[in-house]
Amino acid sequence: MGKNQHVVPHGDGLAVRGENNSRVTSTHATQSQAESAARSIAINQRSEVVIHRPNGEIRDKNSYGNDPYPPKG
């Protein structure tokens, strides 16, 4: 399983950054562009996309990898 991809505020836009990376993978002007780029990477790496609010809180998560089936809960 690959690194989770985080969509984070970056300057006037948003960036995609791999989990525990200090450098961003890509920067984007809009949230939809950043989410699309993160989704492509996550599908390729079978990992998750984690979307952050401007204050750093996690807003949403989407998994594109090793989900248990049937889901627990």
N, C-alpha and C. Protein backbone atom coordinates (compact mmCIF):
# COMPACT_ATOMS: atom_id res chain seq x y z
N MET A 1 0.85 -1.18 0.00
CA MET A 1 0.00 0.00 0.00
C MET A 1 0.89 1.23 0.00
N GLY A 2 0.53 2.24 -0.80
CA GLY A 2 1.32 3.46 -0.92
C GLY A 2 1.02 4.47 0.17
N LYS A 3 1.62 5.62 0.02
CA LYS A 3 1.41 6.71 0.98
C LYS A 3 0.06 7.36 0.75
N ASN A 4 -0.61 7.72 1.85
CA ASN A 4 -1.83 8.50 1.73
C ASN A 4 -1.49 9.87 1.17
N GLN A 5 -2.41 10.42 0.37
CA GLN A 5 -2.22 11.72 -0.25
C GLN A 5 -3.08 12.74 0.47
N HIS A 6 -2.46 13.84 0.87
CA HIS A 6 -3.16 14.88 1.61
C HIS A 6 -3.35 16.12 0.74
N VAL A 7 -4.58 16.64 0.71
CA VAL A 7 -4.88 17.91 0.04
C VAL A 7 -4.85 18.96 1.14
N VAL A 8 -3.87 19.89 1.04
CA VAL A 8 -3.63 20.86 2.11
C VAL A 8 -3.57 22.28 1.55
N PRO A 9 -3.92 23.28 2.37
CA PRO A 9 -3.75 24.67 1.95
C PRO A 9 -2.28 24.95 1.65
N HIS A 10 -2.05 25.75 0.60
CA HIS A 10 -0.67 26.07 0.20
C HIS A 10 -0.68 27.43 -0.49
N GLY A 11 -0.17 28.44 0.19
CA GLY A 11 -0.19 29.79 -0.39
C GLY A 11 -1.62 30.23 -0.66
N ASP A 12 -1.87 30.68 -1.91
CA ASP A 12 -3.22 31.10 -2.30
C ASP A 12 -4.07 29.96 -2.85
N GLY A 13 -3.51 28.76 -2.90
CA GLY A 13 -4.24 27.63 -3.46
C GLY A 13 -4.17 26.42 -2.56
N LEU A 14 -4.07 25.27 -3.19
CA LEU A 14 -4.00 24.00 -2.48
C LEU A 14 -2.88 23.17 -3.05
N ALA A 15 -2.41 22.22 -2.25
CA ALA A 15 -1.33 21.34 -2.70
C ALA A 15 -1.67 19.90 -2.36
N VAL A 16 -1.05 18.99 -3.09
CA VAL A 16 -1.11 17.57 -2.80
C VAL A 16 0.25 17.20 -2.22
N ARG A 17 0.21 16.54 -1.06
CA ARG A 17 1.46 16.14 -0.40
C ARG A 17 1.31 14.71 0.10
N GLY A 18 2.29 13.88 -0.21
CA GLY A 18 2.30 12.51 0.30
C GLY A 18 2.50 12.52 1.81
N GLU A 19 1.90 11.56 2.48
CA GLU A 19 1.99 11.47 3.94
C GLU A 19 3.45 11.44 4.38
N ASN A 20 3.77 12.26 5.38
CA ASN A 20 5.10 12.39 5.97
C ASN A 20 6.14 13.00 5.04
N ASN A 21 5.73 13.53 3.89
CA ASN A 21 6.66 14.23 3.01
C ASN A 21 6.74 15.70 3.42
N SER A 22 7.92 16.29 3.33
CA SER A 22 8.05 17.71 3.64
C SER A 22 7.78 18.56 2.40
N ARG A 23 7.98 17.99 1.22
CA ARG A 23 7.75 18.72 -0.03
C ARG A 23 6.42 18.31 -0.65
N VAL A 24 5.77 19.26 -1.33
CA VAL A 24 4.50 18.97 -1.98
C VAL A 24 4.74 18.28 -3.32
N THR A 25 3.79 17.46 -3.71
CA THR A 25 3.85 16.76 -4.99
C THR A 25 3.43 17.69 -6.12
N SER A 26 2.34 18.46 -5.89
CA SER A 26 1.85 19.39 -6.90
C SER A 26 1.02 20.48 -6.23
N THR A 27 0.90 21.63 -6.91
CA THR A 27 0.09 22.74 -6.41
C THR A 27 -1.03 23.02 -7.40
N HIS A 28 -2.16 23.54 -6.87
CA HIS A 28 -3.35 23.74 -7.70
C HIS A 28 -4.09 24.99 -7.26
N ALA A 29 -4.78 25.60 -8.22
CA ALA A 29 -5.54 26.82 -7.93
C ALA A 29 -6.88 26.52 -7.28
N THR A 30 -7.47 25.37 -7.59
CA THR A 30 -8.79 25.05 -7.05
C THR A 30 -8.78 23.73 -6.28
N GLN A 31 -9.77 23.58 -5.42
CA GLN A 31 -9.88 22.36 -4.63
C GLN A 31 -10.17 21.16 -5.52
N SER A 32 -11.01 21.33 -6.52
CA SER A 32 -11.35 20.19 -7.39
C SER A 32 -10.13 19.71 -8.16
N GLN A 33 -9.26 20.62 -8.60
CA GLN A 33 -8.03 20.21 -9.29
C GLN A 33 -7.12 19.43 -8.35
N ALA A 34 -6.97 19.91 -7.12
CA ALA A 34 -6.11 19.25 -6.14
C ALA A 34 -6.68 17.87 -5.78
N GLU A 35 -7.98 17.78 -5.58
CA GLU A 35 -8.60 16.50 -5.25
C GLU A 35 -8.45 15.51 -6.40
N SER A 36 -8.59 15.96 -7.62
CA SER A 36 -8.45 15.10 -8.78
C SER A 36 -7.03 14.54 -8.89
N ALA A 37 -6.03 15.40 -8.68
CA ALA A 37 -4.64 14.96 -8.73
C ALA A 37 -4.35 13.97 -7.62
N ALA A 38 -4.82 14.25 -6.41
CA ALA A 38 -4.61 13.35 -5.27
C ALA A 38 -5.30 12.01 -5.51
N ARG A 39 -6.49 12.05 -6.09
CA ARG A 39 -7.25 10.82 -6.36
C ARG A 39 -6.49 9.94 -7.35
N SER A 40 -5.94 10.54 -8.39
CA SER A 40 -5.18 9.76 -9.38
C SER A 40 -4.00 9.04 -8.73
N ILE A 41 -3.28 9.75 -7.88
CA ILE A 41 -2.13 9.16 -7.19
C ILE A 41 -2.60 8.04 -6.25
N ALA A 42 -3.67 8.32 -5.49
CA ALA A 42 -4.17 7.34 -4.52
C ALA A 42 -4.67 6.07 -5.20
N ILE A 43 -5.32 6.20 -6.34
CA ILE A 43 -5.78 5.02 -7.08
C ILE A 43 -4.58 4.20 -7.52
N ASN A 44 -3.56 4.87 -8.04
CA ASN A 44 -2.36 4.21 -8.50
C ASN A 44 -1.63 3.50 -7.36
N GLN A 45 -1.60 4.12 -6.17
CA GLN A 45 -0.87 3.58 -5.03
C GLN A 45 -1.76 2.78 -4.08
N ARG A 46 -3.05 2.67 -4.39
CA ARG A 46 -4.00 1.96 -3.53
C ARG A 46 -3.94 2.50 -2.10
N SER A 47 -4.16 3.81 -1.98
CA SER A 47 -4.08 4.48 -0.67
C SER A 47 -5.29 5.38 -0.49
N GLU A 48 -5.21 6.32 0.46
CA GLU A 48 -6.32 7.22 0.77
C GLU A 48 -6.00 8.65 0.37
N VAL A 49 -7.08 9.41 0.13
CA VAL A 49 -6.98 10.86 -0.03
C VAL A 49 -7.56 11.47 1.24
N VAL A 50 -6.79 12.37 1.86
CA VAL A 50 -7.23 13.05 3.08
C VAL A 50 -7.31 14.53 2.75
N ILE A 51 -8.51 15.11 2.88
CA ILE A 51 -8.73 16.52 2.55
C ILE A 51 -8.78 17.33 3.83
N HIS A 52 -7.96 18.38 3.90
CA HIS A 52 -7.86 19.22 5.09
C HIS A 52 -8.56 20.56 4.89
N ARG A 53 -9.11 21.07 5.98
CA ARG A 53 -9.68 22.43 6.00
C ARG A 53 -8.53 23.43 6.10
N PRO A 54 -8.79 24.73 5.86
CA PRO A 54 -7.73 25.74 5.98
C PRO A 54 -7.07 25.77 7.36
N ASN A 55 -7.80 25.37 8.43
CA ASN A 55 -7.21 25.38 9.77
C ASN A 55 -6.44 24.09 10.07
N GLY A 56 -6.37 23.17 9.11
CA GLY A 56 -5.61 21.95 9.29
C GLY A 56 -6.43 20.73 9.70
N GLU A 57 -7.68 20.94 10.11
CA GLU A 57 -8.52 19.81 10.49
C GLU A 57 -8.83 18.95 9.27
N ILE A 58 -9.03 17.66 9.51
CA ILE A 58 -9.42 16.77 8.43
C ILE A 58 -10.91 16.97 8.14
N ARG A 59 -11.22 17.23 6.88
CA ARG A 59 -12.59 17.45 6.45
C ARG A 59 -13.22 16.19 5.89
N ASP A 60 -12.42 15.41 5.15
CA ASP A 60 -12.97 14.24 4.48
C ASP A 60 -11.85 13.27 4.15
N LYS A 61 -12.21 11.99 4.01
CA LYS A 61 -11.27 10.94 3.60
C LYS A 61 -11.95 10.07 2.57
N ASN A 62 -11.18 9.65 1.57
CA ASN A 62 -11.67 8.70 0.58
C ASN A 62 -10.61 7.65 0.37
N SER A 63 -11.02 6.39 0.42
CA SER A 63 -10.08 5.29 0.30
C SER A 63 -10.15 4.69 -1.10
N TYR A 64 -8.98 4.41 -1.67
CA TYR A 64 -8.89 3.78 -2.99
C TYR A 64 -8.00 2.56 -2.91
N GLY A 65 -8.02 1.88 -1.76
CA GLY A 65 -7.10 0.77 -1.59
C GLY A 65 -7.70 -0.41 -0.89
N ASN A 66 -6.98 -0.91 0.07
CA ASN A 66 -7.29 -2.17 0.73
C ASN A 66 -8.38 -2.04 1.78
N ASP A 67 -9.60 -1.81 1.33
CA ASP A 67 -10.73 -1.74 2.25
C ASP A 67 -11.17 -3.14 2.63
N PRO A 68 -11.51 -3.35 3.90
CA PRO A 68 -12.02 -4.67 4.28
C PRO A 68 -13.40 -4.90 3.68
N TYR A 69 -13.67 -6.10 3.22
CA TYR A 69 -14.99 -6.42 2.73
C TYR A 69 -15.45 -7.70 3.39
N PRO A 70 -16.56 -7.77 4.02
CA PRO A 70 -17.48 -6.65 4.21
C PRO A 70 -16.92 -5.63 5.19
N PRO A 71 -17.38 -4.37 5.09
CA PRO A 71 -16.88 -3.35 6.00
C PRO A 71 -17.24 -3.66 7.44
N LYS A 72 -16.31 -3.30 8.34
CA LYS A 72 -16.57 -3.49 9.76
C LYS A 72 -17.53 -2.42 10.24
N GLY A 73 -18.31 -2.73 11.27
CA GLY A 73 -19.17 -1.71 11.85
C GLY A 73 -20.54 -2.14 11.88
